N, C-alpha and C. Protein backbone atom coordinates (compact mmCIF):
# COMPACT_ATOMS: atom_id res chain seq x y z
N UNK A 1 13.70 -11.59 -14.21
CA UNK A 1 12.93 -10.44 -14.68
C UNK A 1 13.12 -9.31 -13.67
N UNK A 2 13.39 -8.09 -14.14
CA UNK A 2 13.55 -6.98 -13.21
C UNK A 2 12.25 -6.68 -12.46
N UNK A 3 12.38 -6.20 -11.23
CA UNK A 3 11.18 -5.86 -10.47
C UNK A 3 10.59 -4.54 -10.93
N UNK A 4 11.39 -3.71 -11.58
CA UNK A 4 10.87 -2.46 -12.14
C UNK A 4 11.72 -2.03 -13.32
N UNK A 5 11.17 -1.19 -14.17
CA UNK A 5 11.91 -0.62 -15.29
C UNK A 5 11.89 0.89 -15.14
N UNK A 6 13.00 1.56 -15.41
CA UNK A 6 13.08 3.01 -15.18
C UNK A 6 12.11 3.86 -16.00
N UNK A 7 11.74 3.44 -17.20
CA UNK A 7 10.87 4.25 -18.03
C UNK A 7 9.42 3.78 -18.02
N UNK A 8 9.07 2.89 -17.12
CA UNK A 8 7.71 2.35 -17.08
C UNK A 8 6.84 3.21 -16.16
N UNK A 9 5.78 3.82 -16.70
CA UNK A 9 4.94 4.68 -15.87
C UNK A 9 4.24 3.92 -14.74
N UNK A 10 3.93 2.64 -14.94
CA UNK A 10 3.29 1.89 -13.86
C UNK A 10 4.30 1.50 -12.78
N UNK A 11 5.55 1.26 -13.16
CA UNK A 11 6.59 1.03 -12.15
C UNK A 11 6.78 2.29 -11.29
N UNK A 12 6.64 3.47 -11.91
CA UNK A 12 6.73 4.72 -11.14
C UNK A 12 5.62 4.78 -10.10
N UNK A 13 4.42 4.37 -10.47
CA UNK A 13 3.31 4.36 -9.52
C UNK A 13 3.58 3.35 -8.41
N UNK A 14 4.04 2.16 -8.79
CA UNK A 14 4.36 1.12 -7.79
C UNK A 14 5.40 1.64 -6.80
N UNK A 15 6.39 2.37 -7.29
CA UNK A 15 7.46 2.89 -6.44
C UNK A 15 7.09 4.21 -5.75
N UNK A 16 5.86 4.66 -5.98
CA UNK A 16 5.34 5.92 -5.44
C UNK A 16 6.13 7.13 -5.95
N UNK A 17 6.62 7.02 -7.19
CA UNK A 17 7.34 8.14 -7.81
C UNK A 17 6.42 9.03 -8.63
N UNK A 18 5.16 8.65 -8.79
CA UNK A 18 4.20 9.46 -9.54
C UNK A 18 3.22 10.07 -8.53
N UNK A 19 3.48 11.31 -8.19
CA UNK A 19 2.67 11.97 -7.15
C UNK A 19 1.25 12.24 -7.59
N UNK A 20 0.98 12.21 -8.90
CA UNK A 20 -0.37 12.46 -9.41
C UNK A 20 -1.24 11.20 -9.46
N UNK A 21 -0.67 10.05 -9.15
CA UNK A 21 -1.43 8.81 -9.23
C UNK A 21 -2.54 8.81 -8.18
N UNK A 22 -3.71 8.41 -8.61
CA UNK A 22 -4.87 8.30 -7.71
C UNK A 22 -4.96 6.84 -7.25
N UNK A 23 -4.10 6.49 -6.31
CA UNK A 23 -4.02 5.11 -5.82
C UNK A 23 -5.21 4.80 -4.92
N UNK A 24 -5.80 3.63 -5.14
CA UNK A 24 -6.94 3.22 -4.31
C UNK A 24 -6.62 2.02 -3.43
N UNK A 25 -5.58 1.24 -3.76
CA UNK A 25 -5.28 0.03 -3.02
C UNK A 25 -3.83 -0.36 -3.24
N UNK A 26 -3.22 -0.93 -2.21
CA UNK A 26 -1.85 -1.42 -2.31
C UNK A 26 -1.69 -2.56 -1.31
N UNK A 27 -1.04 -3.64 -1.74
CA UNK A 27 -0.61 -4.67 -0.82
C UNK A 27 0.78 -5.12 -1.26
N UNK A 28 1.28 -6.23 -0.74
CA UNK A 28 2.66 -6.63 -1.07
C UNK A 28 2.80 -7.15 -2.50
N UNK A 29 1.70 -7.39 -3.20
CA UNK A 29 1.76 -7.97 -4.54
C UNK A 29 1.24 -7.06 -5.65
N UNK A 30 0.29 -6.19 -5.36
CA UNK A 30 -0.35 -5.37 -6.40
C UNK A 30 -0.55 -3.94 -5.93
N UNK A 31 -0.78 -3.08 -6.91
CA UNK A 31 -1.19 -1.70 -6.66
C UNK A 31 -2.37 -1.44 -7.59
N UNK A 32 -3.36 -0.72 -7.09
CA UNK A 32 -4.53 -0.36 -7.91
C UNK A 32 -4.69 1.16 -7.88
N UNK A 33 -5.07 1.71 -9.04
CA UNK A 33 -5.18 3.16 -9.16
C UNK A 33 -6.14 3.50 -10.28
N UNK A 34 -6.61 4.75 -10.26
CA UNK A 34 -7.44 5.24 -11.36
C UNK A 34 -6.53 5.65 -12.52
N UNK A 35 -6.91 5.35 -13.76
CA UNK A 35 -6.12 5.84 -14.89
C UNK A 35 -6.29 7.35 -15.02
N UNK A 36 -5.34 7.97 -15.69
CA UNK A 36 -5.38 9.43 -15.90
C UNK A 36 -6.66 9.85 -16.62
N UNK A 37 -7.04 9.10 -17.64
CA UNK A 37 -8.25 9.37 -18.41
C UNK A 37 -9.19 8.18 -18.30
N UNK A 38 -9.98 8.11 -17.24
CA UNK A 38 -10.85 6.93 -17.07
C UNK A 38 -11.93 6.87 -18.14
N UNK A 39 -12.28 5.64 -18.50
CA UNK A 39 -13.38 5.44 -19.45
C UNK A 39 -14.70 5.87 -18.82
N UNK A 40 -14.86 5.57 -17.54
CA UNK A 40 -16.02 5.97 -16.75
C UNK A 40 -15.52 6.22 -15.33
N UNK A 41 -16.30 6.90 -14.52
CA UNK A 41 -15.90 7.11 -13.13
C UNK A 41 -15.89 5.77 -12.39
N UNK A 42 -14.86 5.53 -11.63
CA UNK A 42 -14.68 4.27 -10.93
C UNK A 42 -13.76 3.30 -11.65
N UNK A 43 -13.41 3.59 -12.92
CA UNK A 43 -12.49 2.77 -13.70
C UNK A 43 -11.19 2.65 -12.91
N UNK A 44 -10.80 1.43 -12.62
CA UNK A 44 -9.63 1.15 -11.78
C UNK A 44 -8.70 0.19 -12.51
N UNK A 45 -7.40 0.42 -12.36
CA UNK A 45 -6.42 -0.48 -12.95
C UNK A 45 -5.65 -1.18 -11.83
N UNK A 46 -5.40 -2.46 -12.02
CA UNK A 46 -4.67 -3.26 -11.05
C UNK A 46 -3.41 -3.78 -11.73
N UNK A 47 -2.25 -3.53 -11.10
CA UNK A 47 -0.97 -3.96 -11.68
C UNK A 47 -0.18 -4.76 -10.66
N UNK A 48 0.59 -5.74 -11.12
CA UNK A 48 1.50 -6.41 -10.20
C UNK A 48 2.63 -5.44 -9.83
N UNK A 49 3.12 -5.54 -8.60
CA UNK A 49 4.22 -4.67 -8.18
C UNK A 49 5.50 -4.99 -8.92
N UNK A 50 5.67 -6.25 -9.31
CA UNK A 50 6.82 -6.64 -10.11
C UNK A 50 6.53 -6.29 -11.56
N UNK A 51 7.53 -5.78 -12.28
CA UNK A 51 7.33 -5.46 -13.69
C UNK A 51 7.16 -6.75 -14.50
N UNK A 52 5.99 -6.90 -15.09
CA UNK A 52 5.65 -8.01 -15.98
C UNK A 52 5.07 -7.36 -17.22
N UNK A 53 5.67 -7.55 -18.39
CA UNK A 53 5.21 -6.82 -19.58
C UNK A 53 3.85 -7.25 -20.11
N UNK A 54 3.53 -8.55 -20.03
CA UNK A 54 2.27 -9.03 -20.60
C UNK A 54 1.93 -10.39 -20.02
N UNK A 55 0.79 -10.93 -20.41
CA UNK A 55 0.31 -12.18 -19.84
C UNK A 55 1.24 -13.36 -20.13
N UNK A 56 1.98 -13.28 -21.23
CA UNK A 56 2.87 -14.38 -21.59
C UNK A 56 4.10 -14.44 -20.68
N UNK A 57 4.37 -13.38 -19.95
CA UNK A 57 5.50 -13.36 -19.01
C UNK A 57 5.03 -13.50 -17.56
N UNK A 58 3.74 -13.66 -17.35
CA UNK A 58 3.14 -13.70 -16.02
C UNK A 58 3.26 -15.10 -15.42
N UNK A 59 3.82 -15.20 -14.21
CA UNK A 59 3.88 -16.51 -13.56
C UNK A 59 2.58 -16.77 -12.79
N UNK A 60 2.33 -18.01 -12.47
CA UNK A 60 1.05 -18.39 -11.87
C UNK A 60 0.85 -17.80 -10.48
N UNK A 61 1.90 -17.66 -9.68
CA UNK A 61 1.74 -17.06 -8.35
C UNK A 61 1.31 -15.61 -8.46
N UNK A 62 1.97 -14.85 -9.33
CA UNK A 62 1.61 -13.45 -9.51
C UNK A 62 0.20 -13.34 -10.08
N UNK A 63 -0.15 -14.25 -11.00
CA UNK A 63 -1.50 -14.26 -11.57
C UNK A 63 -2.54 -14.48 -10.48
N UNK A 64 -2.26 -15.36 -9.55
CA UNK A 64 -3.19 -15.62 -8.45
C UNK A 64 -3.39 -14.39 -7.57
N UNK A 65 -2.30 -13.71 -7.24
CA UNK A 65 -2.40 -12.49 -6.43
C UNK A 65 -3.19 -11.41 -7.18
N UNK A 66 -2.92 -11.29 -8.47
CA UNK A 66 -3.60 -10.29 -9.29
C UNK A 66 -5.10 -10.60 -9.38
N UNK A 67 -5.44 -11.85 -9.58
CA UNK A 67 -6.85 -12.24 -9.69
C UNK A 67 -7.59 -12.01 -8.37
N UNK A 68 -6.98 -12.38 -7.25
CA UNK A 68 -7.64 -12.17 -5.95
C UNK A 68 -7.86 -10.68 -5.69
N UNK A 69 -6.87 -9.87 -6.02
CA UNK A 69 -7.01 -8.42 -5.82
C UNK A 69 -8.11 -7.87 -6.73
N UNK A 70 -8.17 -8.34 -7.97
CA UNK A 70 -9.21 -7.87 -8.90
C UNK A 70 -10.60 -8.20 -8.37
N UNK A 71 -10.78 -9.39 -7.81
CA UNK A 71 -12.08 -9.76 -7.26
C UNK A 71 -12.43 -8.86 -6.06
N UNK A 72 -11.47 -8.63 -5.16
CA UNK A 72 -11.71 -7.75 -4.01
C UNK A 72 -12.06 -6.33 -4.46
N UNK A 73 -11.30 -5.84 -5.42
CA UNK A 73 -11.53 -4.47 -5.89
C UNK A 73 -12.84 -4.35 -6.66
N UNK A 74 -13.23 -5.39 -7.39
CA UNK A 74 -14.54 -5.37 -8.07
C UNK A 74 -15.64 -5.20 -7.04
N UNK A 75 -15.51 -5.87 -5.90
CA UNK A 75 -16.49 -5.71 -4.83
C UNK A 75 -16.49 -4.31 -4.26
N UNK A 76 -15.32 -3.73 -4.10
CA UNK A 76 -15.23 -2.36 -3.58
C UNK A 76 -15.85 -1.36 -4.56
N UNK A 77 -15.59 -1.56 -5.86
CA UNK A 77 -16.17 -0.68 -6.88
C UNK A 77 -17.69 -0.80 -6.85
N UNK A 78 -18.17 -2.03 -6.73
CA UNK A 78 -19.63 -2.24 -6.68
C UNK A 78 -20.24 -1.51 -5.50
N UNK A 79 -19.60 -1.60 -4.35
CA UNK A 79 -20.11 -0.93 -3.15
C UNK A 79 -20.04 0.60 -3.28
N UNK A 80 -18.98 1.10 -3.90
CA UNK A 80 -18.75 2.54 -3.94
C UNK A 80 -19.59 3.26 -4.99
N UNK A 81 -19.73 2.68 -6.20
CA UNK A 81 -20.37 3.43 -7.29
C UNK A 81 -21.62 2.76 -7.85
N UNK A 82 -21.98 1.59 -7.35
CA UNK A 82 -23.23 0.90 -7.72
C UNK A 82 -23.44 0.75 -9.23
N UNK A 83 -22.48 0.13 -9.93
CA UNK A 83 -22.66 -0.05 -11.37
C UNK A 83 -23.72 -1.10 -11.67
N UNK A 84 -24.21 -1.06 -12.91
CA UNK A 84 -25.15 -2.08 -13.39
C UNK A 84 -24.41 -3.31 -13.88
N UNK A 85 -23.12 -3.16 -14.16
CA UNK A 85 -22.28 -4.25 -14.65
C UNK A 85 -20.82 -3.87 -14.49
N UNK A 86 -19.93 -4.74 -14.96
CA UNK A 86 -18.49 -4.50 -14.84
C UNK A 86 -17.78 -5.24 -15.96
N UNK A 87 -16.88 -4.55 -16.66
CA UNK A 87 -15.97 -5.22 -17.59
C UNK A 87 -14.64 -5.42 -16.89
N UNK A 88 -14.06 -6.59 -17.06
CA UNK A 88 -12.70 -6.88 -16.63
C UNK A 88 -11.91 -7.05 -17.91
N UNK A 89 -10.97 -6.14 -18.16
CA UNK A 89 -10.27 -6.11 -19.45
C UNK A 89 -8.77 -6.22 -19.20
N UNK A 90 -8.12 -7.10 -19.92
CA UNK A 90 -6.67 -7.25 -19.83
C UNK A 90 -6.17 -7.44 -21.26
N UNK A 91 -5.40 -6.48 -21.77
CA UNK A 91 -4.97 -6.49 -23.17
C UNK A 91 -3.47 -6.76 -23.27
N UNK A 92 -3.06 -7.45 -24.33
CA UNK A 92 -1.66 -7.81 -24.54
C UNK A 92 -1.24 -7.51 -25.96
N UNK A 93 -0.26 -6.65 -26.13
CA UNK A 93 0.26 -6.28 -27.44
C UNK A 93 -0.46 -5.07 -28.00
N UNK A 94 0.25 -4.37 -28.87
CA UNK A 94 -0.29 -3.14 -29.46
C UNK A 94 -1.59 -3.39 -30.21
N UNK A 95 -1.67 -4.48 -30.96
CA UNK A 95 -2.87 -4.76 -31.74
C UNK A 95 -4.09 -4.96 -30.85
N UNK A 96 -3.84 -5.34 -29.59
CA UNK A 96 -4.93 -5.53 -28.63
C UNK A 96 -5.14 -4.29 -27.77
N UNK A 97 -4.57 -3.18 -28.16
CA UNK A 97 -4.68 -1.86 -27.53
C UNK A 97 -3.87 -1.70 -26.25
N UNK A 98 -2.88 -2.57 -26.01
CA UNK A 98 -2.00 -2.35 -24.86
C UNK A 98 -1.07 -1.19 -25.20
N UNK A 99 -1.09 -0.14 -24.37
CA UNK A 99 -0.23 1.02 -24.62
C UNK A 99 0.88 1.16 -23.58
N UNK A 100 0.69 0.58 -22.40
CA UNK A 100 1.74 0.55 -21.38
C UNK A 100 2.11 -0.91 -21.20
N UNK A 101 3.37 -1.23 -21.41
CA UNK A 101 3.79 -2.62 -21.41
C UNK A 101 4.25 -3.07 -20.02
N UNK A 102 3.35 -2.87 -19.09
CA UNK A 102 3.40 -3.43 -17.73
C UNK A 102 2.01 -4.01 -17.56
N UNK A 103 1.92 -5.31 -17.41
CA UNK A 103 0.64 -5.99 -17.35
C UNK A 103 -0.31 -5.26 -16.40
N UNK A 104 -1.55 -5.10 -16.84
CA UNK A 104 -2.55 -4.44 -16.00
C UNK A 104 -3.94 -4.95 -16.35
N UNK A 105 -4.79 -4.92 -15.34
CA UNK A 105 -6.18 -5.33 -15.48
C UNK A 105 -7.05 -4.11 -15.26
N UNK A 106 -7.94 -3.84 -16.21
CA UNK A 106 -8.90 -2.75 -16.08
C UNK A 106 -10.18 -3.29 -15.45
N UNK A 107 -10.65 -2.66 -14.42
CA UNK A 107 -11.97 -2.93 -13.84
C UNK A 107 -12.82 -1.73 -14.20
N UNK A 108 -13.77 -1.93 -15.10
CA UNK A 108 -14.54 -0.82 -15.66
C UNK A 108 -16.01 -0.98 -15.29
N UNK A 109 -16.48 -0.17 -14.32
CA UNK A 109 -17.90 -0.24 -13.99
C UNK A 109 -18.72 0.23 -15.19
N UNK A 110 -19.90 -0.39 -15.36
CA UNK A 110 -20.71 -0.10 -16.54
C UNK A 110 -22.14 0.26 -16.16
N UNK A 111 -22.69 1.17 -16.94
CA UNK A 111 -24.09 1.58 -16.84
C UNK A 111 -24.68 1.61 -18.24
N UNK A 112 -25.95 1.41 -18.34
CA UNK A 112 -26.63 1.49 -19.62
C UNK A 112 -26.40 2.87 -20.22
N UNK A 113 -25.93 2.92 -21.46
CA UNK A 113 -25.72 4.19 -22.15
C UNK A 113 -24.44 4.91 -21.77
N UNK A 114 -23.50 4.26 -21.07
CA UNK A 114 -22.26 4.93 -20.68
C UNK A 114 -21.35 5.18 -21.88
N UNK A 115 -20.24 5.88 -21.65
CA UNK A 115 -19.33 6.28 -22.72
C UNK A 115 -18.57 5.11 -23.36
N UNK A 116 -18.52 3.97 -22.70
CA UNK A 116 -17.77 2.82 -23.23
C UNK A 116 -18.40 2.26 -24.50
N UNK A 117 -19.70 2.11 -24.52
CA UNK A 117 -20.34 1.49 -25.67
C UNK A 117 -20.04 0.00 -25.71
N UNK A 118 -20.49 -0.70 -26.76
CA UNK A 118 -20.25 -2.14 -26.85
C UNK A 118 -18.78 -2.43 -27.10
N UNK A 119 -18.31 -3.57 -26.60
CA UNK A 119 -16.91 -3.92 -26.80
C UNK A 119 -16.72 -5.10 -27.74
N UNK A 120 -17.80 -5.70 -28.23
CA UNK A 120 -17.71 -6.85 -29.14
C UNK A 120 -18.28 -6.46 -30.50
N UNK A 121 -17.76 -7.07 -31.57
CA UNK A 121 -18.35 -6.79 -32.88
C UNK A 121 -19.78 -7.31 -32.93
N UNK A 122 -20.60 -6.68 -33.74
CA UNK A 122 -21.99 -7.12 -33.84
C UNK A 122 -22.09 -8.53 -34.40
N UNK A 123 -21.20 -8.88 -35.31
CA UNK A 123 -21.19 -10.25 -35.82
C UNK A 123 -19.82 -10.59 -36.37
N UNK A 124 -19.50 -11.86 -36.36
CA UNK A 124 -18.28 -12.36 -36.96
C UNK A 124 -18.69 -13.44 -37.96
N UNK A 125 -17.95 -13.57 -39.04
CA UNK A 125 -18.36 -14.50 -40.09
C UNK A 125 -17.22 -15.48 -40.37
N UNK A 126 -17.13 -16.54 -39.56
CA UNK A 126 -16.11 -17.56 -39.74
C UNK A 126 -16.78 -18.85 -40.20
N UNK A 127 -16.13 -19.55 -41.11
CA UNK A 127 -16.68 -20.82 -41.58
C UNK A 127 -16.54 -21.88 -40.49
N UNK A 128 -17.35 -22.95 -40.61
CA UNK A 128 -17.24 -24.06 -39.66
C UNK A 128 -15.86 -24.69 -39.74
N UNK A 129 -15.28 -24.75 -40.95
CA UNK A 129 -13.94 -25.32 -41.12
C UNK A 129 -12.90 -24.49 -40.38
N UNK A 130 -13.01 -23.15 -40.47
CA UNK A 130 -12.07 -22.29 -39.75
C UNK A 130 -12.20 -22.47 -38.24
N UNK A 131 -13.43 -22.56 -37.76
CA UNK A 131 -13.65 -22.77 -36.33
C UNK A 131 -13.09 -24.12 -35.88
N UNK A 132 -13.33 -25.17 -36.67
CA UNK A 132 -12.84 -26.51 -36.32
C UNK A 132 -11.31 -26.56 -36.34
N UNK A 133 -10.70 -25.93 -37.34
CA UNK A 133 -9.23 -25.90 -37.42
C UNK A 133 -8.64 -25.19 -36.20
N UNK A 134 -9.22 -24.06 -35.84
CA UNK A 134 -8.73 -23.32 -34.67
C UNK A 134 -8.94 -24.13 -33.40
N UNK A 135 -10.07 -24.79 -33.27
CA UNK A 135 -10.34 -25.65 -32.12
C UNK A 135 -9.26 -26.73 -31.99
N UNK A 136 -8.93 -27.38 -33.07
CA UNK A 136 -7.93 -28.45 -33.04
C UNK A 136 -6.56 -27.91 -32.63
N UNK A 137 -6.18 -26.76 -33.18
CA UNK A 137 -4.88 -26.18 -32.85
C UNK A 137 -4.80 -25.75 -31.39
N UNK A 138 -5.87 -25.14 -30.86
CA UNK A 138 -5.87 -24.70 -29.46
C UNK A 138 -5.90 -25.91 -28.53
N UNK A 139 -6.69 -26.92 -28.85
CA UNK A 139 -6.71 -28.14 -28.03
C UNK A 139 -5.32 -28.78 -27.96
N UNK A 140 -4.65 -28.85 -29.10
CA UNK A 140 -3.29 -29.42 -29.13
C UNK A 140 -2.33 -28.59 -28.28
N UNK A 141 -2.42 -27.29 -28.39
CA UNK A 141 -1.56 -26.41 -27.59
C UNK A 141 -1.86 -26.58 -26.10
N UNK A 142 -3.13 -26.78 -25.74
CA UNK A 142 -3.49 -26.99 -24.34
C UNK A 142 -2.88 -28.27 -23.79
N UNK A 143 -2.77 -29.31 -24.61
CA UNK A 143 -2.13 -30.55 -24.16
C UNK A 143 -0.66 -30.32 -23.84
N UNK A 144 -0.04 -29.39 -24.53
CA UNK A 144 1.38 -29.13 -24.34
C UNK A 144 1.66 -28.13 -23.20
N UNK A 145 0.66 -27.38 -22.77
CA UNK A 145 0.88 -26.33 -21.77
C UNK A 145 1.45 -26.91 -20.47
N UNK A 146 0.88 -28.01 -19.99
CA UNK A 146 1.33 -28.57 -18.73
C UNK A 146 2.74 -29.13 -18.76
N UNK A 147 3.28 -29.40 -19.94
CA UNK A 147 4.61 -30.00 -20.05
C UNK A 147 5.73 -28.98 -20.13
N UNK A 148 5.39 -27.71 -20.06
CA UNK A 148 6.44 -26.68 -20.19
C UNK A 148 7.03 -26.32 -18.86
């Protein structure tokens, strides 16, 4: 997998080619920065320095570095802006609202009545049979994950 892609805006930030990036953190594995249009003040994005398009291409070592950085940065956000809560959002694919295909984690501080609003549907209406079928398929897939 290439370490960067020429047309990837997050690779530009990683390579320090985007002078407008509001970078807040960098180490040998990740870079964190504010998005151009934050959902709320303090909204921070964490990306691996290596170009990884989505979670399905993410290796476990990189995932570990990304998770540790997200936890550290969540603490820094809490100290800096004193949110009432925090969303950790990671989207994959266009249907899931991924618009930049370089894996990234959003750390979104939350306050009552903020601009984000609720992120879950008020209700979902699935039959018990649909839930059981999905449970069986996911359990079976989980048994196969370790063998790959």
